[in-house]
């Protein structure tokens, strides 16, 4: 408990939970990219996931716990204003102040709000019940996730919500990846420029990967 109450302890927990979530974001994007194959691609992927039964919900609960810890400690540390105290880090190096760094708490809250909507939209499927995959099947009898995704992103309001959320995610990741290395004292005068560029590049790649799906649907390359 003393570890969790300390500033250093909470920073370490945030770094560790954040790294798990970055891995999840990458894997989730790879799974979502099966939509490019067509109905059989993403519907088959979704069916295999649901075929895992309780393991899917165990995984979701684990991720929810990690995400909750990340959010709670992030809010606590921001309110305590410890981000401005470099002596709390293993190496006394401060990150260059950027827009992404200044807005971490806000992009984090944006992501949390979006995640709630995203779960209601594509997981629990209560925001657009008429096109829910739980209510519609493909030709093989599987839940038609492909149709749900395509019809969802033909709605400009939904595209706007997802686009804004991905901007927030990109900003959060670009600074968060740098913070991970700083928390573990891996940032030096020589490595910091590489870490900074790598964080921005990774954020841009993930942003482009997620935004590409609704953009391609809006442009009509994928149709239900």
Protein backbone atom coordinates (compact mmCIF):
# COMPACT_ATOMS: atom_id res chain seq x y z
CA UNK A 1 0.00 0.00 0.00
CA UNK A 2 2.87 2.37 0.75
CA UNK A 3 4.20 1.70 -2.77
CA UNK A 4 0.84 2.63 -4.30
CA UNK A 5 0.63 5.77 -2.18
CA UNK A 6 4.08 6.99 -3.19
CA UNK A 7 4.54 9.21 -6.24
CA UNK A 8 7.24 6.97 -7.71
CA UNK A 9 5.10 3.87 -7.17
CA UNK A 10 2.10 5.36 -8.91
CA UNK A 11 4.26 6.59 -11.80
CA UNK A 12 5.64 3.09 -12.24
CA UNK A 13 2.13 1.58 -12.18
CA UNK A 14 1.01 4.14 -14.77
CA UNK A 15 3.97 3.29 -17.00
CA UNK A 16 3.36 -0.45 -16.74
CA UNK A 17 -0.40 -0.26 -17.26
CA UNK A 18 0.14 2.19 -20.11
CA UNK A 19 2.52 -0.21 -21.85
CA UNK A 20 -0.06 -3.01 -21.66
CA UNK A 21 -2.67 -0.72 -23.17
CA UNK A 22 -0.35 0.27 -26.01
CA UNK A 23 0.10 -3.42 -26.83
CA UNK A 24 -3.68 -3.86 -26.73
CA UNK A 25 -4.20 -0.87 -29.05
CA UNK A 26 -1.78 -2.43 -31.56
CA UNK A 27 -3.44 -5.87 -31.39
CA UNK A 28 -6.91 -4.34 -31.58
CA UNK A 29 -5.92 -2.43 -34.72
CA UNK A 30 -4.59 -5.60 -36.34
CA UNK A 31 -7.86 -7.37 -35.58
CA UNK A 32 -9.94 -4.46 -36.88
CA UNK A 33 -7.91 -4.43 -40.09
CA UNK A 34 -9.53 -7.73 -41.04
CA UNK A 35 -12.43 -5.57 -42.23
CA UNK A 36 -10.38 -4.90 -45.40
CA UNK A 37 -10.75 -8.57 -46.34
CA UNK A 38 -14.51 -8.13 -46.43
CA UNK A 39 -17.41 -9.68 -44.51
CA UNK A 40 -15.73 -13.06 -44.13
CA UNK A 41 -12.59 -11.48 -42.68
CA UNK A 42 -13.91 -9.51 -39.74
CA UNK A 43 -16.93 -11.77 -39.15
CA UNK A 44 -14.65 -14.79 -38.91
CA UNK A 45 -12.30 -12.89 -36.59
CA UNK A 46 -15.18 -11.84 -34.32
CA UNK A 47 -16.61 -15.37 -34.27
CA UNK A 48 -13.25 -16.81 -33.21
CA UNK A 49 -12.97 -14.27 -30.40
CA UNK A 50 -16.45 -15.04 -29.08
CA UNK A 51 -15.63 -18.73 -29.39
CA UNK A 52 -13.14 -18.27 -26.56
CA UNK A 53 -16.10 -17.91 -24.19
CA UNK A 54 -15.26 -16.77 -20.65
CA UNK A 55 -11.64 -16.04 -21.54
CA UNK A 56 -12.81 -13.00 -23.52
CA UNK A 57 -14.55 -11.56 -20.46
CA UNK A 58 -11.61 -12.39 -18.19
CA UNK A 59 -9.35 -10.50 -20.59
CA UNK A 60 -11.78 -7.57 -20.68
CA UNK A 61 -11.89 -7.42 -16.89
CA UNK A 62 -8.09 -7.46 -16.68
CA UNK A 63 -7.85 -4.64 -19.23
CA UNK A 64 -10.57 -2.68 -17.42
CA UNK A 65 -8.61 -3.01 -14.17
CA UNK A 66 -5.38 -1.82 -15.81
CA UNK A 67 -7.20 1.06 -17.49
CA UNK A 68 -8.90 2.08 -14.23
CA UNK A 69 -5.59 2.11 -12.35
CA UNK A 70 -4.04 4.20 -15.12
CA UNK A 71 -6.87 6.74 -15.04
CA UNK A 72 -7.12 6.97 -11.24
CA UNK A 73 -3.40 7.42 -10.69
CA UNK A 74 -3.19 9.83 -13.61
CA UNK A 75 -5.86 12.05 -12.10
CA UNK A 76 -4.27 11.82 -8.66
CA UNK A 77 -0.81 12.75 -9.91
CA UNK A 78 -2.17 15.62 -11.99
CA UNK A 79 -4.10 17.04 -9.06
CA UNK A 80 -1.01 16.79 -6.89
CA UNK A 81 0.97 18.57 -9.60
CA UNK A 82 3.89 16.13 -9.25
CA UNK A 83 4.51 16.14 -12.98
CA UNK A 84 6.49 19.36 -12.46
CA UNK A 85 8.92 17.70 -10.03
CA UNK A 86 11.68 15.97 -12.02
CA UNK A 87 13.36 14.71 -8.84
CA UNK A 88 10.65 12.08 -8.62
CA UNK A 89 12.05 10.35 -11.71
CA UNK A 90 14.87 7.82 -11.65
CA UNK A 91 16.94 10.16 -13.85
CA UNK A 92 16.55 13.92 -13.43
CA UNK A 93 15.56 14.73 -16.97
CA UNK A 94 12.43 16.60 -17.91
CA UNK A 95 10.43 16.12 -21.06
CA UNK A 96 10.30 19.04 -23.45
CA UNK A 97 7.00 20.79 -22.83
CA UNK A 98 4.72 20.10 -25.78
CA UNK A 99 1.03 20.49 -26.48
CA UNK A 100 0.66 16.72 -26.05
CA UNK A 101 2.37 16.92 -22.66
CA UNK A 102 0.26 19.84 -21.47
CA UNK A 103 -2.99 18.14 -22.43
CA UNK A 104 -2.32 14.60 -21.14
CA UNK A 105 -5.06 14.76 -18.50
CA UNK A 106 -7.60 16.03 -21.04
CA UNK A 107 -6.74 13.57 -23.79
CA UNK A 108 -6.82 10.83 -21.15
CA UNK A 109 -10.31 11.83 -20.07
CA UNK A 110 -11.36 12.05 -23.73
CA UNK A 111 -10.13 8.50 -24.30
CA UNK A 112 -11.99 7.29 -21.19
CA UNK A 113 -15.23 8.89 -22.39
CA UNK A 114 -14.71 7.48 -25.89
CA UNK A 115 -14.01 4.00 -24.55
CA UNK A 116 -17.36 4.06 -22.75
CA UNK A 117 -19.11 5.01 -25.99
CA UNK A 118 -17.08 2.49 -28.00
CA UNK A 119 -18.10 -0.35 -25.69
CA UNK A 120 -21.75 0.69 -25.88
CA UNK A 121 -21.47 0.95 -29.65
CA UNK A 122 -19.54 -2.13 -30.78
CA UNK A 123 -19.44 -4.44 -27.74
CA UNK A 124 -22.74 -4.09 -25.88
CA UNK A 125 -24.31 -2.71 -29.07
CA UNK A 126 -27.06 -0.54 -27.61
CA UNK A 127 -26.38 2.77 -29.38
CA UNK A 128 -27.48 1.57 -32.85
CA UNK A 129 -29.58 -1.56 -32.23
CA UNK A 130 -31.01 -1.68 -35.76
CA UNK A 131 -27.60 -2.48 -37.26
CA UNK A 132 -26.30 -4.48 -34.29
CA UNK A 133 -24.39 -7.63 -35.25
CA UNK A 134 -26.30 -9.40 -32.49
CA UNK A 135 -29.52 -8.71 -34.39
CA UNK A 136 -28.19 -9.38 -37.90
CA UNK A 137 -26.39 -12.42 -39.29
CA UNK A 138 -24.29 -12.92 -42.41
CA UNK A 139 -24.91 -15.66 -44.97
CA UNK A 140 -23.18 -18.25 -42.77
CA UNK A 141 -25.22 -17.38 -39.68
CA UNK A 142 -22.43 -15.51 -37.91
CA UNK A 143 -23.06 -12.10 -36.30
CA UNK A 144 -22.62 -9.58 -39.11
CA UNK A 145 -19.93 -7.35 -37.63
CA UNK A 146 -18.87 -6.18 -41.09
CA UNK A 147 -22.30 -4.71 -41.84
CA UNK A 148 -22.44 -3.05 -38.43
CA UNK A 149 -19.03 -1.41 -38.90
CA UNK A 150 -19.68 -0.22 -42.45
CA UNK A 151 -23.15 1.18 -41.73
CA UNK A 152 -21.87 2.85 -38.55
CA UNK A 153 -19.13 4.72 -40.37
CA UNK A 154 -21.53 5.88 -43.04
CA UNK A 155 -22.90 8.13 -40.28
CA UNK A 156 -20.91 11.40 -40.29
CA UNK A 157 -21.57 12.03 -36.58
CA UNK A 158 -20.06 8.66 -35.63
CA UNK A 159 -17.08 9.28 -37.91
CA UNK A 160 -16.59 12.65 -36.20
CA UNK A 161 -16.65 11.10 -32.73
CA UNK A 162 -14.14 8.42 -33.70
CA UNK A 163 -11.90 10.90 -35.51
CA UNK A 164 -11.76 13.24 -32.50
CA UNK A 165 -11.05 10.32 -30.18
CA UNK A 166 -8.19 9.12 -32.40
CA UNK A 167 -6.64 12.60 -32.34
CA UNK A 168 -6.76 12.41 -28.55
CA UNK A 169 -5.28 8.92 -28.60
CA UNK A 170 -2.45 10.00 -30.88
CA UNK A 171 -1.54 12.97 -28.70
CA UNK A 172 -1.74 10.88 -25.54
CA UNK A 173 0.47 8.14 -26.98
CA UNK A 174 3.06 10.52 -28.40
CA UNK A 175 3.77 11.90 -24.93
CA UNK A 176 2.96 8.73 -22.98
CA UNK A 177 5.61 6.66 -24.77
CA UNK A 178 8.23 9.29 -23.88
CA UNK A 179 7.01 9.33 -20.28
CA UNK A 180 7.42 5.54 -20.06
CA UNK A 181 11.14 5.78 -20.79
CA UNK A 182 11.55 8.74 -18.46
CA UNK A 183 9.83 6.94 -15.59
CA UNK A 184 12.31 4.07 -15.84
CA UNK A 185 15.25 6.45 -16.17
CA UNK A 186 16.09 5.43 -19.73
CA UNK A 187 16.18 8.94 -21.17
CA UNK A 188 19.59 10.50 -21.66
CA UNK A 189 20.78 13.44 -23.74
CA UNK A 190 21.67 10.99 -26.51
CA UNK A 191 18.58 8.77 -26.39
CA UNK A 192 15.94 11.42 -25.75
CA UNK A 193 15.69 12.68 -29.36
CA UNK A 194 15.30 9.08 -30.58
CA UNK A 195 12.68 8.35 -27.91
CA UNK A 196 10.78 11.52 -28.79
CA UNK A 197 10.74 10.79 -32.53
CA UNK A 198 9.84 7.15 -31.94
CA UNK A 199 6.91 8.12 -29.71
CA UNK A 200 5.57 10.56 -32.28
CA UNK A 201 6.06 8.07 -35.12
CA UNK A 202 4.30 5.27 -33.24
CA UNK A 203 1.41 7.60 -32.41
CA UNK A 204 1.10 8.70 -36.05
CA UNK A 205 1.12 5.12 -37.33
CA UNK A 206 -1.60 4.05 -34.88
CA UNK A 207 -3.64 7.18 -35.59
CA UNK A 208 -3.44 6.56 -39.34
CA UNK A 209 -4.28 2.88 -38.91
CA UNK A 210 -7.44 3.55 -36.91
CA UNK A 211 -8.61 6.54 -38.95
CA UNK A 212 -8.07 4.71 -42.25
CA UNK A 213 -11.01 2.36 -41.61
CA UNK A 214 -13.78 5.00 -41.37
CA UNK A 215 -12.13 7.06 -44.13
CA UNK A 216 -12.13 4.12 -46.54
CA UNK A 217 -15.77 3.44 -45.70
CA UNK A 218 -16.72 7.11 -46.19
CA UNK A 219 -14.98 7.05 -49.58
CA UNK A 220 -17.08 4.05 -50.56
CA UNK A 221 -14.33 1.44 -50.90
CA UNK A 222 -16.11 -0.81 -48.40
CA UNK A 223 -19.85 -1.30 -48.76
CA UNK A 224 -22.39 -3.32 -46.80
